[in-house]
Amino acid sequence: MRWDGQALAADDGALPGLERIGLVRSVRTPEFEGITFHEVLCKSALNKVPAASMLPFRFTVNAFRGCSHACRYCFARPTHEYLEFDSGADFDTQIVVKTNLVPVLRKELQRKSWARETVALGTNTDPYQRAEGRYQLMPGVIAALADSGTPMSILTKGTLLRRDLPLLAEAAGQVPVGLGVSLAIGDDAVHREVEPGVPSPQARLSLIAAAREAGFEPHVMVAPVLPFLTDSIEHLDDLLGRIADAGAGSVTVFPLHLRGTTRGWFMSWVSQSHPELVGRYRELYRKGAYAPAEYRSWLRERVAPLVDKYGLASHREETPTRPPKLVPALEPTLF
């Protein structure tokens, strides 16, 4: 395999933020044009989730920071700023890889204090983004969790998950394993604009079918729903019908969140691609990161009969860490 631009930390112009987290080298290769991988040695693999987050799990494992899926709406974008990268193009192209993740994880799972609580994968950046094809960390992570008796859940947009379905089926014989696929946009044109590095909707529908065939009941995150772009009855009806036909067992549907600098990155895309919607988005999100309660309620009422129509179980949206304040009723035209 040909590699270009391999360099040690002393020579690659790495930012101080990377040096703080144990940079070994930065790598560029023609197989991943436009992407730089920053290989680091992590001190810990298990991340404890703050209780205030109110999430249904307390531990996560993240092999990567940054994500080549390049979703305009990704809530994790601001986390890149800790490394002194920007949350826009750098998040999409400067990917941090924890190359020693598996041995560190195995060591942590062997501690007597480890209570074998469920570990969630894919809660920050996608474990099956393109970088996984190069570094192949997930088979080792799955094996480490299963061997230690630790339940796991995986959420991904990456069809590379199909590679590991046999391993996951084997792990499911030892511990509970939950599989989730993120698929919120069924319109191919909108998908290409908003999440350009993500496999197509049809490719992810095929992944859902493959997971079902492997013995799982995949959950699908129909999120985020993009106001005024993917919240029509026609779009939601078509997408939920295709998801059901593919073999999904359940869905969660909730609208776009615009936290931190993600807001500016997403709105810059709206202003370029859909300038007619700029005012409507500013009005809808004028009070903060979350769509107002009225919109969330409106969307639930729109989705509920469609979920019932296709026989899908529905999971409610997780409560935001910082619930949005109630706002006055918005004009119907906003919805």
Protein backbone atom coordinates (compact mmCIF):
# COMPACT_ATOMS: atom_id res chain seq x y z
CA MET A 1 0.00 0.00 0.00
CA ARG A 2 1.32 3.46 -0.91
CA TRP A 3 1.42 6.12 1.75
CA ASP A 4 2.14 9.82 1.34
CA GLY A 5 3.00 12.47 3.86
CA GLN A 6 3.82 10.29 6.84
CA ALA A 7 5.56 12.36 9.48
CA LEU A 8 6.43 12.38 13.14
CA ALA A 9 4.84 14.97 15.39
CA ALA A 10 7.98 17.11 15.40
CA ASP A 11 7.76 17.68 11.66
CA ASP A 12 4.11 17.66 10.69
CA GLY A 13 3.06 21.08 11.90
CA ALA A 14 0.58 19.56 14.34
CA LEU A 15 -1.40 21.93 16.50
CA PRO A 16 -0.74 22.16 20.25
CA GLY A 17 -4.16 20.66 20.96
CA LEU A 18 -3.06 17.41 19.36
CA GLU A 19 0.18 17.37 21.28
CA ARG A 20 -1.82 17.45 24.50
CA ILE A 21 -3.54 14.17 23.70
CA GLY A 22 -0.51 12.12 22.69
CA LEU A 23 0.08 12.63 18.98
CA VAL A 24 2.34 9.99 17.42
CA ARG A 25 2.19 10.96 13.74
CA SER A 26 -0.07 12.42 11.09
CA VAL A 27 -0.81 10.47 7.92
CA ARG A 28 -2.15 11.35 4.49
CA THR A 29 -2.76 8.83 1.74
CA PRO A 30 -4.23 8.92 -1.80
CA GLU A 31 -6.84 6.35 -0.75
CA PHE A 32 -8.35 9.01 1.54
CA GLU A 33 -7.87 12.16 -0.50
CA GLY A 34 -8.35 15.35 1.45
CA ILE A 35 -8.26 13.64 4.84
CA THR A 36 -5.47 13.72 7.41
CA PHE A 37 -5.36 11.05 10.09
CA HIS A 38 -3.74 12.08 13.37
CA GLU A 39 -2.71 8.93 15.23
CA VAL A 40 -2.67 9.29 19.00
CA LEU A 41 -2.10 7.05 22.01
CA CYS A 42 -5.00 7.32 24.41
CA LYS A 43 -4.69 6.89 28.16
CA SER A 44 -8.27 5.72 28.59
CA ALA A 45 -10.82 4.06 26.33
CA LEU A 46 -13.96 4.12 28.48
CA ASN A 47 -15.64 7.52 28.76
CA LYS A 48 -18.06 8.10 31.63
CA VAL A 49 -21.13 10.07 30.61
CA PRO A 50 -22.10 12.93 32.95
CA ALA A 51 -25.24 12.15 34.92
CA ALA A 52 -26.71 15.50 33.85
CA SER A 53 -26.90 14.26 30.25
CA MET A 54 -29.84 11.98 31.20
CA LEU A 55 -28.80 9.41 28.59
CA PRO A 56 -29.78 5.73 28.95
CA PHE A 57 -26.14 4.61 29.28
CA ARG A 58 -23.21 5.68 31.44
CA PHE A 59 -20.20 4.65 29.36
CA THR A 60 -19.08 5.15 25.79
CA VAL A 61 -16.10 4.22 23.63
CA ASN A 62 -15.05 6.51 20.78
CA ALA A 63 -12.28 5.38 18.45
CA PHE A 64 -12.22 8.65 16.49
CA ARG A 65 -12.60 12.38 16.87
CA GLY A 66 -13.85 14.22 13.83
CA CYS A 67 -15.86 12.47 11.13
CA SER A 68 -15.54 12.22 7.36
CA HIS A 69 -19.32 11.80 7.02
CA ALA A 70 -19.27 15.62 6.96
CA CYS A 71 -22.89 16.01 8.07
CA ARG A 72 -23.69 19.71 8.12
CA TYR A 73 -25.85 19.27 11.22
CA CYS A 74 -23.52 17.11 13.36
CA PHE A 75 -23.87 18.02 17.03
CA ALA A 76 -20.31 16.83 17.78
CA ARG A 77 -18.63 19.52 15.68
CA PRO A 78 -17.80 21.82 18.63
CA THR A 79 -15.76 19.03 20.28
CA HIS A 80 -13.05 19.55 17.66
CA GLU A 81 -12.32 23.01 19.00
CA TYR A 82 -10.67 21.48 22.08
CA LEU A 83 -7.95 20.28 19.71
CA GLU A 84 -7.60 23.78 18.26
CA PHE A 85 -9.25 22.72 15.02
CA ASP A 86 -12.29 24.49 13.64
CA SER A 87 -15.69 22.83 13.82
CA GLY A 88 -16.32 23.16 10.08
CA ALA A 89 -14.00 21.78 7.42
CA ASP A 90 -11.43 20.59 9.99
CA PHE A 91 -14.03 18.40 11.66
CA ASP A 92 -14.67 16.71 8.31
CA THR A 93 -11.03 16.25 7.28
CA GLN A 94 -8.78 16.19 10.38
CA ILE A 95 -9.57 12.80 11.95
CA VAL A 96 -8.00 11.79 15.26
CA VAL A 97 -7.49 8.02 15.62
CA LYS A 98 -6.85 6.30 18.95
CA THR A 99 -4.58 3.59 17.58
CA ASN A 100 -4.04 1.84 20.93
CA LEU A 101 -7.74 1.82 21.79
CA VAL A 102 -8.22 -1.94 21.95
CA PRO A 103 -5.40 -2.88 24.41
CA VAL A 104 -6.31 0.08 26.64
CA LEU A 105 -9.96 -0.97 26.59
CA ARG A 106 -9.12 -4.58 27.46
CA LYS A 107 -7.08 -3.42 30.43
CA GLU A 108 -9.90 -1.23 31.72
CA LEU A 109 -12.47 -3.98 31.31
CA GLN A 110 -10.34 -6.30 33.46
CA ARG A 111 -10.55 -4.05 36.49
CA LYS A 112 -12.36 -5.54 39.47
CA SER A 113 -14.35 -2.32 39.74
CA TRP A 114 -15.81 -2.70 36.24
CA ALA A 115 -19.53 -3.50 36.70
CA ARG A 116 -20.16 -4.59 33.09
CA GLU A 117 -22.56 -1.79 32.33
CA THR A 118 -23.70 -1.28 28.74
CA VAL A 119 -21.16 0.57 26.59
CA ALA A 120 -22.46 2.72 23.75
CA LEU A 121 -20.52 3.10 20.50
CA GLY A 122 -21.31 5.86 18.02
CA THR A 123 -22.60 8.48 20.43
CA ASN A 124 -20.07 11.15 19.46
CA THR A 125 -18.55 10.35 16.06
CA ASP A 126 -19.32 7.36 13.89
CA PRO A 127 -17.35 4.16 14.68
CA TYR A 128 -17.86 2.98 11.09
CA GLN A 129 -16.80 6.11 9.26
CA ARG A 130 -14.24 5.69 6.47
CA ALA A 131 -11.30 5.69 8.89
CA GLU A 132 -12.46 2.34 10.26
CA GLY A 133 -11.73 0.78 6.88
CA ARG A 134 -8.09 1.75 7.35
CA TYR A 135 -7.61 1.13 11.09
CA GLN A 136 -10.04 -1.76 11.73
CA LEU A 137 -10.47 -1.00 15.42
CA MET A 138 -14.07 -2.16 15.82
CA PRO A 139 -13.48 -5.94 15.63
CA GLY A 140 -11.09 -5.64 18.56
CA VAL A 141 -13.50 -3.41 20.49
CA ILE A 142 -16.40 -5.81 19.94
CA ALA A 143 -14.31 -8.81 21.00
CA ALA A 144 -13.01 -7.01 24.10
CA LEU A 145 -16.50 -6.10 25.25
CA ALA A 146 -17.94 -9.55 24.57
CA ASP A 147 -15.03 -11.37 26.21
CA SER A 148 -15.48 -9.28 29.37
CA GLY A 149 -19.23 -9.88 29.54
CA THR A 150 -20.05 -6.24 28.74
CA PRO A 151 -23.27 -5.44 26.84
CA MET A 152 -22.93 -3.01 23.95
CA SER A 153 -24.96 -0.85 21.61
CA ILE A 154 -23.82 0.55 18.26
CA LEU A 155 -25.23 3.47 16.28
CA THR A 156 -23.87 4.18 12.81
CA LYS A 157 -24.46 5.60 9.36
CA GLY A 158 -21.60 3.55 7.99
CA THR A 159 -22.33 0.50 5.88
CA LEU A 160 -18.95 -0.94 6.92
CA LEU A 161 -20.92 -2.37 9.83
CA ARG A 162 -21.86 -5.23 7.47
CA ARG A 163 -18.28 -6.49 7.71
CA ASP A 164 -18.70 -7.10 11.43
CA LEU A 165 -22.21 -8.60 11.47
CA PRO A 166 -20.89 -12.18 11.89
CA LEU A 167 -18.69 -11.03 14.79
CA LEU A 168 -21.60 -9.14 16.35
CA ALA A 169 -23.90 -12.15 15.97
CA GLU A 170 -21.29 -14.23 17.80
CA ALA A 171 -21.00 -11.55 20.50
CA ALA A 172 -24.78 -11.52 20.90
CA GLY A 173 -24.49 -15.12 22.09
CA GLN A 174 -22.45 -13.84 25.04
CA VAL A 175 -23.89 -10.40 25.86
CA PRO A 176 -26.82 -8.20 24.83
CA VAL A 177 -26.01 -6.35 21.58
CA GLY A 178 -28.12 -3.54 20.19
CA LEU A 179 -27.71 -2.22 16.65
CA GLY A 180 -28.92 1.16 15.43
CA VAL A 181 -28.73 2.79 12.02
CA SER A 182 -29.10 6.52 11.49
CA LEU A 183 -31.27 7.33 8.47
CA ALA A 184 -33.14 10.64 8.55
CA ILE A 185 -33.07 11.74 4.91
CA GLY A 186 -34.69 9.69 2.19
CA ASP A 187 -34.39 12.31 -0.54
CA ASP A 188 -31.18 11.61 -2.48
CA ALA A 189 -30.59 15.22 -3.48
CA VAL A 190 -30.93 16.59 0.05
CA HIS A 191 -28.80 13.72 1.34
CA ARG A 192 -25.95 14.56 -1.04
CA GLU A 193 -26.01 18.20 0.03
CA VAL A 194 -26.33 17.80 3.79
CA GLU A 195 -24.38 14.60 4.53
CA PRO A 196 -22.02 14.23 1.55
CA GLY A 197 -19.71 11.63 3.12
CA VAL A 198 -22.49 9.30 4.25
CA PRO A 199 -23.52 6.18 2.30
CA SER A 200 -26.72 6.67 0.33
CA PRO A 201 -30.16 6.11 1.88
CA GLN A 202 -30.54 2.93 -0.19
CA ALA A 203 -27.19 1.62 1.03
CA ARG A 204 -28.29 2.09 4.63
CA LEU A 205 -31.64 0.45 3.94
CA SER A 206 -29.66 -2.54 2.65
CA LEU A 207 -27.62 -2.45 5.86
CA ILE A 208 -30.83 -2.59 7.92
CA ALA A 209 -31.94 -5.61 5.90
CA ALA A 210 -28.57 -7.30 6.40
CA ALA A 211 -28.70 -6.69 10.15
CA ARG A 212 -32.18 -8.18 10.26
CA GLU A 213 -31.01 -11.22 8.33
CA ALA A 214 -28.16 -11.62 10.82
CA GLY A 215 -30.69 -11.98 13.63
CA PHE A 216 -30.94 -8.42 14.94
CA GLU A 217 -33.92 -6.08 15.19
CA PRO A 218 -32.20 -2.86 14.16
CA HIS A 219 -33.38 0.42 15.61
CA VAL A 220 -33.40 3.38 13.24
CA MET A 221 -32.72 6.97 14.26
CA VAL A 222 -34.82 9.09 11.93
CA ALA A 223 -32.96 12.12 13.19
CA PRO A 224 -32.46 14.88 12.75
CA VAL A 225 -35.58 15.80 10.86
CA LEU A 226 -34.74 19.05 9.06
CA PRO A 227 -37.53 21.64 9.37
CA PHE A 228 -38.99 22.73 6.02
CA LEU A 229 -36.79 20.22 4.16
CA THR A 230 -37.55 16.69 5.41
CA ASP A 231 -40.57 17.17 7.67
CA SER A 232 -43.33 16.86 5.07
CA ILE A 233 -45.84 14.04 5.36
CA GLU A 234 -44.77 12.83 1.91
CA HIS A 235 -41.09 12.56 2.86
CA LEU A 236 -41.72 10.97 6.26
CA ASP A 237 -44.30 8.53 4.91
CA ASP A 238 -41.99 7.35 2.14
CA LEU A 239 -38.97 7.06 4.43
CA LEU A 240 -40.72 5.24 7.27
CA GLY A 241 -42.31 2.85 4.80
CA ARG A 242 -38.93 1.98 3.31
CA ILE A 243 -37.41 1.58 6.76
CA ALA A 244 -40.17 -0.82 7.76
CA ASP A 245 -39.82 -2.79 4.53
CA ALA A 246 -36.09 -3.15 5.19
CA GLY A 247 -36.80 -4.89 8.50
CA ALA A 248 -36.31 -2.27 11.19
CA GLY A 249 -37.88 -3.05 14.53
CA SER A 250 -38.28 0.46 15.92
CA VAL A 251 -37.58 4.13 15.25
CA THR A 252 -36.84 7.34 17.09
CA VAL A 253 -37.81 10.58 15.37
CA PHE A 254 -36.80 14.04 16.51
CA PRO A 255 -35.93 17.40 14.93
CA LEU A 256 -32.66 19.17 14.31
CA HIS A 257 -30.61 20.51 17.23
CA LEU A 258 -28.25 23.40 16.51
CA ARG A 259 -25.77 23.54 19.38
CA GLY A 260 -22.69 25.73 19.59
CA THR A 261 -20.75 26.35 16.40
CA THR A 262 -22.77 23.68 14.56
CA ARG A 263 -25.40 26.37 14.21
CA GLY A 264 -23.16 28.64 12.14
CA TRP A 265 -21.88 25.79 9.95
CA PHE A 266 -25.39 24.55 9.21
CA MET A 267 -26.80 28.04 8.64
CA SER A 268 -24.00 28.85 6.21
CA TRP A 269 -25.17 25.90 4.13
CA VAL A 270 -28.80 27.01 4.37
CA SER A 271 -27.88 30.51 3.22
CA GLN A 272 -26.07 29.12 0.17
CA SER A 273 -28.42 26.30 -0.81
CA HIS A 274 -31.81 27.45 0.51
CA PRO A 275 -31.64 31.22 1.10
CA GLU A 276 -35.43 31.38 1.18
CA LEU A 277 -35.35 29.40 4.45
CA VAL A 278 -32.84 31.51 6.36
CA GLY A 279 -35.48 33.69 8.01
CA ARG A 280 -37.66 30.73 8.92
CA TYR A 281 -34.75 28.90 10.55
CA ARG A 282 -33.71 31.99 12.49
CA GLU A 283 -37.27 32.35 13.75
CA LEU A 284 -37.64 28.69 14.67
CA TYR A 285 -34.32 28.55 16.57
CA ARG A 286 -34.38 32.11 17.87
CA LYS A 287 -34.48 31.00 21.52
CA GLY A 288 -31.68 28.44 21.46
CA ALA A 289 -30.32 25.16 20.19
CA TYR A 290 -33.53 23.14 20.25
CA ALA A 291 -36.65 23.46 18.17
CA PRO A 292 -39.41 24.91 20.36
CA ALA A 293 -41.87 22.68 22.18
CA GLU A 294 -44.62 23.58 19.72
CA TYR A 295 -42.64 22.29 16.77
CA ARG A 296 -41.60 19.10 18.57
CA SER A 297 -45.21 18.41 19.49
CA TRP A 298 -46.33 19.14 15.93
CA LEU A 299 -43.74 16.72 14.55
CA ARG A 300 -44.71 13.95 17.01
CA GLU A 301 -48.35 14.28 15.97
CA ARG A 302 -47.36 14.09 12.32
CA VAL A 303 -45.12 11.04 12.79
CA ALA A 304 -47.23 8.96 15.20
CA PRO A 305 -49.85 7.74 12.69
CA LEU A 306 -47.12 6.91 10.16
CA VAL A 307 -45.22 4.85 12.73
CA ASP A 308 -48.44 2.98 13.52
CA LYS A 309 -49.21 2.58 9.83
CA TYR A 310 -45.98 0.67 9.26
CA GLY A 311 -46.01 -1.33 12.49
CA LEU A 312 -42.87 0.21 13.90
CA ALA A 313 -42.25 0.54 17.62
CA SER A 314 -41.51 4.13 18.60
CA HIS A 315 -38.97 5.38 21.13
CA ARG A 316 -39.40 8.90 22.43
CA GLU A 317 -36.78 11.56 21.96
CA GLU A 318 -34.28 11.77 24.80
CA THR A 319 -34.80 14.79 27.05
CA PRO A 320 -32.27 17.48 26.10
CA THR A 321 -29.56 18.20 28.64
CA ARG A 322 -30.76 21.80 28.64
CA PRO A 323 -34.50 21.78 27.88
CA PRO A 324 -35.51 24.72 25.73
CA LYS A 325 -37.61 27.41 27.35
CA LEU A 326 -41.24 27.56 26.32
CA VAL A 327 -41.83 30.10 23.58
CA PRO A 328 -45.01 31.72 22.30
CA ALA A 329 -46.95 29.78 19.69
CA LEU A 330 -45.35 30.12 16.29
CA GLU A 331 -47.11 30.86 13.08
CA PRO A 332 -48.34 27.68 11.32
CA THR A 333 -46.35 28.65 8.24
CA LEU A 334 -43.18 27.87 10.16
CA PHE A 335 -44.13 24.21 10.20
